[in-house]
Amino acid sequence: RPADEADPVRPDGPYAHGVAASEARIRSRHPRAL
């Protein structure tokens, strides 16, 4: 089904893992980031 914001990320492949890691880093450093 379509993923929504509450769904945990499940990256597949090097690029997707890099994006997910970036998201996690952003949220840890700036929790109010959009």
Full PDB file with SEQRES, HELIX, SHEET, SSBOND, CRYST1, ORIGX, SCALE, CONECT and MASTER records, all heavy atoms in Angstrom:
SEQRES   1 A   34  ARG PRO ALA ASP GLU ALA ASP PRO VAL ARG PRO ASP GLY          
SEQRES   2 A   34  PRO TYR ALA HIS GLY VAL ALA ALA SER GLU ALA ARG ILE          
SEQRES   3 A   34  ARG SER ARG HIS PRO ARG ALA LEU                              
HELIX    1 AA1 PRO A   14  ARG A   29  1                                  16    
CRYST1    1.000    1.000    1.000  90.00  90.00  90.00 P 1           1          
ORIGX1      1.000000  0.000000  0.000000        0.00000                         
ORIGX2      0.000000  1.000000  0.000000        0.00000                         
ORIGX3      0.000000  0.000000  1.000000        0.00000                         
SCALE1      1.000000  0.000000  0.000000        0.00000                         
SCALE2      0.000000  1.000000  0.000000        0.00000                         
SCALE3      0.000000  0.000000  1.000000        0.00000                         
ATOM      1  N   ARG A   1       0.868  -1.187   0.000  1.00  0.00           N  
ATOM      2  CA  ARG A   1       0.000   0.000   0.000  1.00  0.00           C  
ATOM      3  C   ARG A   1       0.893   1.221   0.000  1.00  0.00           C  
ATOM      4  O   ARG A   1       2.104   1.128   0.269  1.00  0.00           O  
ATOM      5  CB  ARG A   1      -0.888   0.009   1.245  1.00  0.00           C  
ATOM      6  CG  ARG A   1      -0.103  -0.023   2.547  1.00  0.00           C  
ATOM      7  CD  ARG A   1      -0.947   0.293   3.768  1.00  0.00           C  
ATOM      8  NE  ARG A   1      -0.219   0.139   5.016  1.00  0.00           N  
ATOM      9  CZ  ARG A   1       0.627   1.033   5.513  1.00  0.00           C  
ATOM     10  NH1 ARG A   1       0.865   2.159   4.849  1.00  0.00           N  
ATOM     11  NH2 ARG A   1       1.243   0.812   6.666  1.00  0.00           N  
ATOM     12  N   PRO A   2       0.340   2.411  -0.271  1.00  0.00           N  
ATOM     13  CA  PRO A   2       1.157   3.626  -0.178  1.00  0.00           C  
ATOM     14  C   PRO A   2       1.664   3.851   1.239  1.00  0.00           C  
ATOM     15  O   PRO A   2       0.938   3.646   2.216  1.00  0.00           O  
ATOM     16  CB  PRO A   2       0.190   4.740  -0.612  1.00  0.00           C  
ATOM     17  CG  PRO A   2      -0.827   4.047  -1.462  1.00  0.00           C  
ATOM     18  CD  PRO A   2      -0.997   2.679  -0.852  1.00  0.00           C  
ATOM     19  N   ALA A   3       2.892   4.262   1.374  1.00  0.00           N  
ATOM     20  CA  ALA A   3       3.492   4.521   2.685  1.00  0.00           C  
ATOM     21  C   ALA A   3       3.098   5.911   3.170  1.00  0.00           C  
ATOM     22  O   ALA A   3       3.003   6.859   2.379  1.00  0.00           O  
ATOM     23  CB  ALA A   3       5.010   4.416   2.601  1.00  0.00           C  
ATOM     24  N   ASP A   4       2.857   6.042   4.475  1.00  0.00           N  
ATOM     25  CA  ASP A   4       2.582   7.356   5.054  1.00  0.00           C  
ATOM     26  C   ASP A   4       3.695   7.729   6.033  1.00  0.00           C  
ATOM     27  O   ASP A   4       4.642   6.959   6.232  1.00  0.00           O  
ATOM     28  CB  ASP A   4       1.203   7.405   5.722  1.00  0.00           C  
ATOM     29  CG  ASP A   4       1.065   6.436   6.898  1.00  0.00           C  
ATOM     30  OD1 ASP A   4       1.982   6.378   7.744  1.00  0.00           O  
ATOM     31  OD2 ASP A   4       0.030   5.734   6.985  1.00  0.00           O  
ATOM     32  N   GLU A   5       3.588   8.893   6.633  1.00  0.00           N  
ATOM     33  CA  GLU A   5       4.661   9.415   7.465  1.00  0.00           C  
ATOM     34  C   GLU A   5       4.911   8.573   8.718  1.00  0.00           C  
ATOM     35  O   GLU A   5       6.019   8.600   9.276  1.00  0.00           O  
ATOM     36  CB  GLU A   5       4.356  10.859   7.882  1.00  0.00           C  
ATOM     37  CG  GLU A   5       4.325  11.861   6.731  1.00  0.00           C  
ATOM     38  CD  GLU A   5       2.944  12.005   6.108  1.00  0.00           C  
ATOM     39  OE1 GLU A   5       2.035  11.224   6.500  1.00  0.00           O  
ATOM     40  OE2 GLU A   5       2.761  12.884   5.245  1.00  0.00           O  
ATOM     41  N   ALA A   6       3.914   7.846   9.180  1.00  0.00           N  
ATOM     42  CA  ALA A   6       4.069   7.037  10.394  1.00  0.00           C  
ATOM     43  C   ALA A   6       4.781   5.714  10.133  1.00  0.00           C  
ATOM     44  O   ALA A   6       5.205   5.044  11.089  1.00  0.00           O  
ATOM     45  CB  ALA A   6       2.701   6.771  11.025  1.00  0.00           C  
ATOM     46  N   ASP A   7       4.905   5.326   8.887  1.00  0.00           N  
ATOM     47  CA  ASP A   7       5.549   4.048   8.572  1.00  0.00           C  
ATOM     48  C   ASP A   7       7.061   4.157   8.772  1.00  0.00           C  
ATOM     49  O   ASP A   7       7.684   5.137   8.360  1.00  0.00           O  
ATOM     50  CB  ASP A   7       5.257   3.644   7.125  1.00  0.00           C  
ATOM     51  CG  ASP A   7       3.817   3.218   6.926  1.00  0.00           C  
ATOM     52  OD1 ASP A   7       3.314   2.443   7.749  1.00  0.00           O  
ATOM     53  OD2 ASP A   7       3.195   3.661   5.942  1.00  0.00           O  
ATOM     54  N   PRO A   8       7.676   3.154   9.397  1.00  0.00           N  
ATOM     55  CA  PRO A   8       9.139   3.181   9.545  1.00  0.00           C  
ATOM     56  C   PRO A   8       9.812   3.020   8.188  1.00  0.00           C  
ATOM     57  O   PRO A   8       9.306   2.304   7.316  1.00  0.00           O  
ATOM     58  CB  PRO A   8       9.426   1.978  10.454  1.00  0.00           C  
ATOM     59  CG  PRO A   8       8.254   1.064  10.263  1.00  0.00           C  
ATOM     60  CD  PRO A   8       7.071   1.947   9.999  1.00  0.00           C  
ATOM     61  N   VAL A   9      10.931   3.697   8.018  1.00  0.00           N  
ATOM     62  CA  VAL A   9      11.639   3.597   6.741  1.00  0.00           C  
ATOM     63  C   VAL A   9      12.193   2.189   6.585  1.00  0.00           C  
ATOM     64  O   VAL A   9      12.607   1.553   7.552  1.00  0.00           O  
ATOM     65  CB  VAL A   9      12.764   4.653   6.640  1.00  0.00           C  
ATOM     66  CG1 VAL A   9      12.177   6.053   6.701  1.00  0.00           C  
ATOM     67  CG2 VAL A   9      13.814   4.460   7.719  1.00  0.00           C  
ATOM     68  N   ARG A  10      12.193   1.738   5.337  1.00  0.00           N  
ATOM     69  CA  ARG A  10      12.731   0.417   4.999  1.00  0.00           C  
ATOM     70  C   ARG A  10      13.502   0.543   3.695  1.00  0.00           C  
ATOM     71  O   ARG A  10      13.034   0.147   2.629  1.00  0.00           O  
ATOM     72  CB  ARG A  10      11.598  -0.612   4.862  1.00  0.00           C  
ATOM     73  CG  ARG A  10      10.776  -0.781   6.127  1.00  0.00           C  
ATOM     74  CD  ARG A  10       9.661  -1.793   5.949  1.00  0.00           C  
ATOM     75  NE  ARG A  10      10.162  -3.138   5.723  1.00  0.00           N  
ATOM     76  CZ  ARG A  10       9.394  -4.223   5.637  1.00  0.00           C  
ATOM     77  NH1 ARG A  10       8.082  -4.108   5.755  1.00  0.00           N  
ATOM     78  NH2 ARG A  10       9.917  -5.403   5.446  1.00  0.00           N  
ATOM     79  N   PRO A  11      14.704   1.127   3.766  1.00  0.00           N  
ATOM     80  CA  PRO A  11      15.464   1.368   2.533  1.00  0.00           C  
ATOM     81  C   PRO A  11      15.962   0.077   1.913  1.00  0.00           C  
ATOM     82  O   PRO A  11      16.195  -0.916   2.606  1.00  0.00           O  
ATOM     83  CB  PRO A  11      16.625   2.245   3.005  1.00  0.00           C  
ATOM     84  CG  PRO A  11      16.796   1.886   4.445  1.00  0.00           C  
ATOM     85  CD  PRO A  11      15.415   1.586   4.963  1.00  0.00           C  
ATOM     86  N   ASP A  12      16.123   0.118   0.600  1.00  0.00           N  
ATOM     87  CA  ASP A  12      16.598  -1.045  -0.149  1.00  0.00           C  
ATOM     88  C   ASP A  12      17.589  -0.558  -1.191  1.00  0.00           C  
ATOM     89  O   ASP A  12      17.215   0.112  -2.147  1.00  0.00           O  
ATOM     90  CB  ASP A  12      15.411  -1.757  -0.809  1.00  0.00           C  
ATOM     91  CG  ASP A  12      15.846  -2.968  -1.628  1.00  0.00           C  
ATOM     92  OD1 ASP A  12      16.951  -3.478  -1.377  1.00  0.00           O  
ATOM     93  OD2 ASP A  12      15.093  -3.378  -2.532  1.00  0.00           O  
ATOM     94  N   GLY A  13      18.852  -0.866  -1.010  1.00  0.00           N  
ATOM     95  CA  GLY A  13      19.878  -0.431  -1.955  1.00  0.00           C  
ATOM     96  C   GLY A  13      20.738   0.684  -1.387  1.00  0.00           C  
ATOM     97  O   GLY A  13      20.338   1.384  -0.455  1.00  0.00           O  
ATOM     98  N   PRO A  14      21.938   0.877  -1.953  1.00  0.00           N  
ATOM     99  CA  PRO A  14      22.893   1.863  -1.414  1.00  0.00           C  
ATOM    100  C   PRO A  14      22.350   3.284  -1.385  1.00  0.00           C  
ATOM    101  O   PRO A  14      22.520   3.997  -0.389  1.00  0.00           O  
ATOM    102  CB  PRO A  14      24.089   1.749  -2.364  1.00  0.00           C  
ATOM    103  CG  PRO A  14      23.974   0.387  -2.963  1.00  0.00           C  
ATOM    104  CD  PRO A  14      22.514   0.098  -3.066  1.00  0.00           C  
ATOM    105  N   TYR A  15      21.713   3.719  -2.479  1.00  0.00           N  
ATOM    106  CA  TYR A  15      21.203   5.084  -2.500  1.00  0.00           C  
ATOM    107  C   TYR A  15      20.139   5.278  -1.427  1.00  0.00           C  
ATOM    108  O   TYR A  15      20.160   6.257  -0.672  1.00  0.00           O  
ATOM    109  CB  TYR A  15      20.637   5.439  -3.873  1.00  0.00           C  
ATOM    110  CG  TYR A  15      19.879   6.749  -3.858  1.00  0.00           C  
ATOM    111  CD1 TYR A  15      20.557   7.941  -3.677  1.00  0.00           C  
ATOM    112  CD2 TYR A  15      18.499   6.784  -3.982  1.00  0.00           C  
ATOM    113  CE1 TYR A  15      19.877   9.144  -3.611  1.00  0.00           C  
ATOM    114  CE2 TYR A  15      17.807   7.979  -3.919  1.00  0.00           C  
ATOM    115  CZ  TYR A  15      18.501   9.165  -3.741  1.00  0.00           C  
ATOM    116  OH  TYR A  15      17.816  10.348  -3.671  1.00  0.00           O  
ATOM    117  N   ALA A  16      19.184   4.359  -1.344  1.00  0.00           N  
ATOM    118  CA  ALA A  16      18.100   4.472  -0.370  1.00  0.00           C  
ATOM    119  C   ALA A  16      18.634   4.466   1.057  1.00  0.00           C  
ATOM    120  O   ALA A  16      18.159   5.225   1.918  1.00  0.00           O  
ATOM    121  CB  ALA A  16      17.103   3.337  -0.564  1.00  0.00           C  
ATOM    122  N   HIS A  17      19.632   3.643   1.336  1.00  0.00           N  
ATOM    123  CA  HIS A  17      20.223   3.614   2.675  1.00  0.00           C  
ATOM    124  C   HIS A  17      20.904   4.947   2.992  1.00  0.00           C  
ATOM    125  O   HIS A  17      20.852   5.421   4.140  1.00  0.00           O  
ATOM    126  CB  HIS A  17      21.221   2.462   2.799  1.00  0.00           C  
ATOM    127  CG  HIS A  17      20.577   1.137   3.103  1.00  0.00           C  
ATOM    128  ND1 HIS A  17      20.222   0.758   4.378  1.00  0.00           N  
ATOM    129  CD2 HIS A  17      20.213   0.109   2.285  1.00  0.00           C  
ATOM    130  CE1 HIS A  17      19.666  -0.452   4.348  1.00  0.00           C  
ATOM    131  NE2 HIS A  17      19.649  -0.863   3.087  1.00  0.00           N  
ATOM    132  N   GLY A  18      21.539   5.558   1.979  1.00  0.00           N  
ATOM    133  CA  GLY A  18      22.160   6.853   2.193  1.00  0.00           C  
ATOM    134  C   GLY A  18      21.138   7.931   2.529  1.00  0.00           C  
ATOM    135  O   GLY A  18      21.364   8.777   3.405  1.00  0.00           O  
ATOM    136  N   VAL A  19      20.001   7.902   1.842  1.00  0.00           N  
ATOM    137  CA  VAL A  19      18.943   8.885   2.102  1.00  0.00           C  
ATOM    138  C   VAL A  19      18.361   8.680   3.499  1.00  0.00           C  
ATOM    139  O   VAL A  19      18.131   9.639   4.239  1.00  0.00           O  
ATOM    140  CB  VAL A  19      17.840   8.790   1.033  1.00  0.00           C  
ATOM    141  CG1 VAL A  19      16.688   9.735   1.371  1.00  0.00           C  
ATOM    142  CG2 VAL A  19      18.395   9.121  -0.342  1.00  0.00           C  
ATOM    143  N   ALA A  20      18.102   7.427   3.862  1.00  0.00           N  
ATOM    144  CA  ALA A  20      17.551   7.138   5.186  1.00  0.00           C  
ATOM    145  C   ALA A  20      18.532   7.559   6.282  1.00  0.00           C  
ATOM    146  O   ALA A  20      18.119   8.096   7.326  1.00  0.00           O  
ATOM    147  CB  ALA A  20      17.224   5.651   5.303  1.00  0.00           C  
ATOM    148  N   ALA A  21      19.818   7.334   6.055  1.00  0.00           N  
ATOM    149  CA  ALA A  21      20.820   7.756   7.035  1.00  0.00           C  
ATOM    150  C   ALA A  21      20.848   9.274   7.162  1.00  0.00           C  
ATOM    151  O   ALA A  21      21.017   9.813   8.267  1.00  0.00           O  
ATOM    152  CB  ALA A  21      22.197   7.233   6.635  1.00  0.00           C  
ATOM    153  N   SER A  22      20.679   9.968   6.053  1.00  0.00           N  
ATOM    154  CA  SER A  22      20.638  11.434   6.083  1.00  0.00           C  
ATOM    155  C   SER A  22      19.441  11.923   6.887  1.00  0.00           C  
ATOM    156  O   SER A  22      19.567  12.851   7.694  1.00  0.00           O  
ATOM    157  CB  SER A  22      20.579  11.997   4.664  1.00  0.00           C  
ATOM    158  OG  SER A  22      21.764  11.718   3.963  1.00  0.00           O  
ATOM    159  N   GLU A  23      18.287  11.308   6.653  1.00  0.00           N  
ATOM    160  CA  GLU A  23      17.098  11.677   7.429  1.00  0.00           C  
ATOM    161  C   GLU A  23      17.351  11.510   8.930  1.00  0.00           C  
ATOM    162  O   GLU A  23      17.021  12.385   9.731  1.00  0.00           O  
ATOM    163  CB  GLU A  23      15.905  10.815   7.022  1.00  0.00           C  
ATOM    164  CG  GLU A  23      15.198  11.239   5.760  1.00  0.00           C  
ATOM    165  CD  GLU A  23      13.811  10.602   5.653  1.00  0.00           C  
ATOM    166  OE1 GLU A  23      13.326  10.057   6.663  1.00  0.00           O  
ATOM    167  OE2 GLU A  23      13.228  10.657   4.563  1.00  0.00           O  
ATOM    168  N   ALA A  24      17.923  10.372   9.307  1.00  0.00           N  
ATOM    169  CA  ALA A  24      18.167  10.101  10.724  1.00  0.00           C  
ATOM    170  C   ALA A  24      19.139  11.123  11.318  1.00  0.00           C  
ATOM    171  O   ALA A  24      18.951  11.603  12.454  1.00  0.00           O  
ATOM    172  CB  ALA A  24      18.720   8.687  10.895  1.00  0.00           C  
ATOM    173  N   ARG A  25      20.167  11.472  10.555  1.00  0.00           N  
ATOM    174  CA  ARG A  25      21.137  12.453  11.038  1.00  0.00           C  
ATOM    175  C   ARG A  25      20.487  13.823  11.211  1.00  0.00           C  
ATOM    176  O   ARG A  25      20.739  14.523  12.195  1.00  0.00           O  
ATOM    177  CB  ARG A  25      22.309  12.532  10.057  1.00  0.00           C  
ATOM    178  CG  ARG A  25      23.550  13.226  10.580  1.00  0.00           C  
ATOM    179  CD  ARG A  25      24.260  12.376  11.627  1.00  0.00           C  
ATOM    180  NE  ARG A  25      24.682  11.100  11.081  1.00  0.00           N  
ATOM    181  CZ  ARG A  25      25.857  10.894  10.459  1.00  0.00           C  
ATOM    182  NH1 ARG A  25      26.707  11.896  10.311  1.00  0.00           N  
ATOM    183  NH2 ARG A  25      26.189   9.699  10.004  1.00  0.00           N  
ATOM    184  N   ILE A  26      19.653  14.208  10.257  1.00  0.00           N  
ATOM    185  CA  ILE A  26      18.963  15.501  10.340  1.00  0.00           C  
ATOM    186  C   ILE A  26      18.067  15.554  11.570  1.00  0.00           C  
ATOM    187  O   ILE A  26      18.088  16.523  12.341  1.00  0.00           O  
ATOM    188  CB  ILE A  26      18.132  15.752   9.059  1.00  0.00           C  
ATOM    189  CG1 ILE A  26      19.055  15.995   7.867  1.00  0.00           C  
ATOM    190  CG2 ILE A  26      17.191  16.949   9.248  1.00  0.00           C  
ATOM    191  CD1 ILE A  26      18.346  15.930   6.530  1.00  0.00           C  
ATOM    192  N   ARG A  27      17.300  14.502  11.785  1.00  0.00           N  
ATOM    193  CA  ARG A  27      16.350  14.504  12.908  1.00  0.00           C  
ATOM    194  C   ARG A  27      17.076  14.489  14.252  1.00  0.00           C  
ATOM    195  O   ARG A  27      16.579  15.052  15.239  1.00  0.00           O  
ATOM    196  CB  ARG A  27      15.402  13.328  12.773  1.00  0.00           C  
ATOM    197  CG  ARG A  27      14.525  13.410  11.530  1.00  0.00           C  
ATOM    198  CD  ARG A  27      13.627  12.226  11.347  1.00  0.00           C  
ATOM    199  NE  ARG A  27      12.458  12.284  12.212  1.00  0.00           N  
ATOM    200  CZ  ARG A  27      11.413  11.465  12.125  1.00  0.00           C  
ATOM    201  NH1 ARG A  27      11.410  10.515  11.188  1.00  0.00           N  
ATOM    202  NH2 ARG A  27      10.396  11.565  12.934  1.00  0.00           N  
ATOM    203  N   SER A  28      18.239  13.872  14.302  1.00  0.00           N  
ATOM    204  CA  SER A  28      18.984  13.846  15.567  1.00  0.00           C  
ATOM    205  C   SER A  28      19.635  15.190  15.859  1.00  0.00           C  
ATOM    206  O   SER A  28      19.767  15.586  17.023  1.00  0.00           O  
ATOM    207  CB  SER A  28      20.052  12.750  15.539  1.00  0.00           C  
ATOM    208  OG  SER A  28      21.075  13.056  14.611  1.00  0.00           O  
ATOM    209  N   ARG A  29      20.032  15.906  14.816  1.00  0.00           N  
ATOM    210  CA  ARG A  29      20.706  17.193  15.012  1.00  0.00           C  
ATOM    211  C   ARG A  29      19.721  18.364  15.089  1.00  0.00           C  
ATOM    212  O   ARG A  29      20.028  19.391  15.687  1.00  0.00           O  
ATOM    213  CB  ARG A  29      21.692  17.435  13.860  1.00  0.00           C  
ATOM    214  CG  ARG A  29      22.756  16.369  13.690  1.00  0.00           C  
ATOM    215  CD  ARG A  29      23.770  16.390  14.821  1.00  0.00           C  
ATOM    216  NE  ARG A  29      24.756  15.348  14.705  1.00  0.00           N  
ATOM    217  CZ  ARG A  29      25.865  15.425  13.960  1.00  0.00           C  
ATOM    218  NH1 ARG A  29      26.104  16.518  13.251  1.00  0.00           N  
ATOM    219  NH2 ARG A  29      26.712  14.429  13.916  1.00  0.00           N  
ATOM    220  N   HIS A  30      18.571  18.225  14.422  1.00  0.00           N  
ATOM    221  CA  HIS A  30      17.604  19.327  14.373  1.00  0.00           C  
ATOM    222  C   HIS A  30      16.196  18.717  14.375  1.00  0.00           C  
ATOM    223  O   HIS A  30      15.569  18.565  13.328  1.00  0.00           O  
ATOM    224  CB  HIS A  30      17.822  20.153  13.105  1.00  0.00           C  
ATOM    225  CG  HIS A  30      17.098  21.468  13.080  1.00  0.00           C  
ATOM    226  ND1 HIS A  30      16.054  21.787  13.926  1.00  0.00           N  
ATOM    227  CD2 HIS A  30      17.252  22.573  12.298  1.00  0.00           C  
ATOM    228  CE1 HIS A  30      15.624  23.008  13.664  1.00  0.00           C  
ATOM    229  NE2 HIS A  30      16.331  23.511  12.683  1.00  0.00           N  
ATOM    230  N   PRO A  31      15.675  18.374  15.549  1.00  0.00           N  
ATOM    231  CA  PRO A  31      14.373  17.701  15.628  1.00  0.00           C  
ATOM    232  C   PRO A  31      13.223  18.499  15.017  1.00  0.00           C  
ATOM    233  O   PRO A  31      12.191  17.919  14.675  1.00  0.00           O  
ATOM    234  CB  PRO A  31      14.168  17.514  17.146  1.00  0.00           C  
ATOM    235  CG  PRO A  31      15.544  17.536  17.719  1.00  0.00           C  
ATOM    236  CD  PRO A  31      16.312  18.497  16.879  1.00  0.00           C  
ATOM    237  N   ARG A  32      13.374  19.819  14.872  1.00  0.00           N  
ATOM    238  CA  ARG A  32      12.307  20.651  14.314  1.00  0.00           C  
ATOM    239  C   ARG A  32      12.441  20.819  12.804  1.00  0.00           C  
ATOM    240  O   ARG A  32      11.678  21.571  12.188  1.00  0.00           O  
ATOM    241  CB  ARG A  32      12.322  22.029  14.965  1.00  0.00           C  
ATOM    242  CG  ARG A  32      11.965  22.041  16.438  1.00  0.00           C  
ATOM    243  CD  ARG A  32      10.502  21.719  16.656  1.00  0.00           C  
ATOM    244  NE  ARG A  32       9.625  22.677  15.990  1.00  0.00           N  
ATOM    245  CZ  ARG A  32       8.323  22.496  15.804  1.00  0.00           C  
ATOM    246  NH1 ARG A  32       7.745  21.389  16.234  1.00  0.00           N  
ATOM    247  NH2 ARG A  32       7.595  23.406  15.202  1.00  0.00           N  
ATOM    248  N   ALA A  33      13.367  20.104  12.171  1.00  0.00           N  
ATOM    249  CA  ALA A  33      13.531  20.214  10.720  1.00  0.00           C  
ATOM    250  C   ALA A  33      12.305  19.658   9.993  1.00  0.00           C  
ATOM    251  O   ALA A  33      11.662  18.709  10.453  1.00  0.00           O  
ATOM    252  CB  ALA A  33      14.786  19.475  10.277  1.00  0.00           C  
ATOM    253  N   LEU A  34      11.988  20.255   8.852  1.00  0.00           N  
ATOM    254  CA  LEU A  34      10.919  19.782   7.978  1.00  0.00           C  
ATOM    255  C   LEU A  34      11.551  18.936   6.880  1.00  0.00           C  
ATOM    256  O   LEU A  34      12.363  19.429   6.090  1.00  0.00           O  
ATOM    257  CB  LEU A  34      10.162  20.966   7.376  1.00  0.00           C  
ATOM    258  CG  LEU A  34       9.154  20.666   6.263  1.00  0.00           C  
ATOM    259  CD1 LEU A  34       8.046  19.739   6.746  1.00  0.00           C  
ATOM    260  CD2 LEU A  34       8.575  21.971   5.714  1.00  0.00           C  
TER     261      LEU A  34                                                      
MASTER        0    0    0    1    0    0    0    6  260    1    0    3          
END                                                                             
